[in-house]
Amino acid sequence: MSAMIFVRERRKIEKGEKKPRYRVCGVSGIDLTLYSMHMRQKELEQIAEATGAKLVYLQAGKEEKEKPNPGK
């Protein structure tokens, strides 16, 4: 199994805001210490390339009310 870095988009970020957009959720298969938990996509790609890890983007739920499912 290859090394993986799990990330998701931050929830409380405004459009056009100049803050790092991604949050690191976990690391598997590699001994890696991250001191910044919020990073830019380019930074994550550079870390993954240097360590030989694969980036896994998690689907985070949006803070919206769920629409009722008429099929249920």
Protein backbone atom coordinates (compact mmCIF):
# COMPACT_ATOMS: atom_id res chain seq x y z
CA MET A 1 0.00 0.00 0.00
CA SER A 2 1.44 3.37 -0.96
CA ALA A 3 1.56 6.42 1.28
CA MET A 4 -1.51 8.65 1.27
CA ILE A 5 -2.30 12.14 2.55
CA PHE A 6 -6.00 12.73 3.25
CA VAL A 7 -7.27 16.31 2.86
CA ARG A 8 -10.58 18.13 2.64
CA GLU A 9 -11.68 21.66 1.88
CA ARG A 10 -12.16 23.91 4.85
CA ARG A 11 -15.77 24.67 5.69
CA LYS A 12 -15.58 28.22 7.02
CA ILE A 13 -13.77 29.95 4.19
CA GLU A 14 -15.24 32.78 2.18
CA LYS A 15 -14.96 33.11 -1.59
CA GLY A 16 -11.89 35.16 -2.54
CA GLU A 17 -10.39 34.85 0.94
CA LYS A 18 -6.60 34.64 0.87
CA LYS A 19 -6.27 31.88 3.47
CA PRO A 20 -5.15 28.28 2.93
CA ARG A 21 -8.11 26.31 1.63
CA TYR A 22 -7.38 22.70 2.59
CA ARG A 23 -7.17 20.91 5.93
CA VAL A 24 -5.02 17.82 6.39
CA CYS A 25 -7.13 15.08 7.99
CA GLY A 26 -4.60 12.26 8.16
CA VAL A 27 -1.52 10.55 6.79
CA SER A 28 -1.12 6.82 6.11
CA GLY A 29 1.88 4.69 5.25
CA ILE A 30 4.56 7.34 5.80
CA ASP A 31 6.32 8.88 8.78
CA LEU A 32 5.45 12.53 8.19
CA THR A 33 5.00 15.34 10.70
CA LEU A 34 3.01 18.37 9.54
CA TYR A 35 3.19 21.53 11.61
CA SER A 36 0.57 23.45 9.64
CA MET A 37 -2.86 21.84 9.38
CA HIS A 38 -4.25 24.31 6.82
CA MET A 39 -2.40 24.34 3.51
CA ARG A 40 -2.72 25.50 -0.05
CA GLN A 41 -3.25 22.93 -2.80
CA LYS A 42 0.11 23.71 -4.39
CA GLU A 43 1.87 23.10 -1.06
CA LEU A 44 0.10 19.75 -0.65
CA GLU A 45 1.06 18.71 -4.18
CA GLN A 46 4.71 19.56 -3.52
CA ILE A 47 4.74 17.55 -0.27
CA ALA A 48 3.10 14.58 -1.98
CA GLU A 49 5.61 14.70 -4.85
CA ALA A 50 8.61 14.94 -2.53
CA THR A 51 7.44 12.06 -0.31
CA GLY A 52 5.98 9.88 -3.05
CA ALA A 53 2.55 10.00 -1.41
CA LYS A 54 -0.82 10.14 -3.12
CA LEU A 55 -3.25 12.97 -2.27
CA VAL A 56 -6.76 11.81 -1.40
CA TYR A 57 -9.41 14.56 -1.45
CA LEU A 58 -12.24 13.73 0.95
CA GLN A 59 -15.79 14.82 0.14
CA ALA A 60 -16.79 17.06 3.04
CA GLY A 61 -20.46 17.71 3.67
CA LYS A 62 -21.49 21.29 3.04
CA GLU A 63 -23.17 23.23 5.80
CA GLU A 64 -26.46 23.33 3.93
CA LYS A 65 -29.79 21.91 4.96
CA GLU A 66 -30.42 18.59 3.26
CA LYS A 67 -33.20 18.54 0.72
CA PRO A 68 -35.92 16.02 1.52
CA ASN A 69 -35.71 12.86 -0.57
CA PRO A 70 -39.13 12.29 -2.19
CA GLY A 71 -38.23 8.68 -3.04
CA LYS A 72 -38.19 7.56 0.61
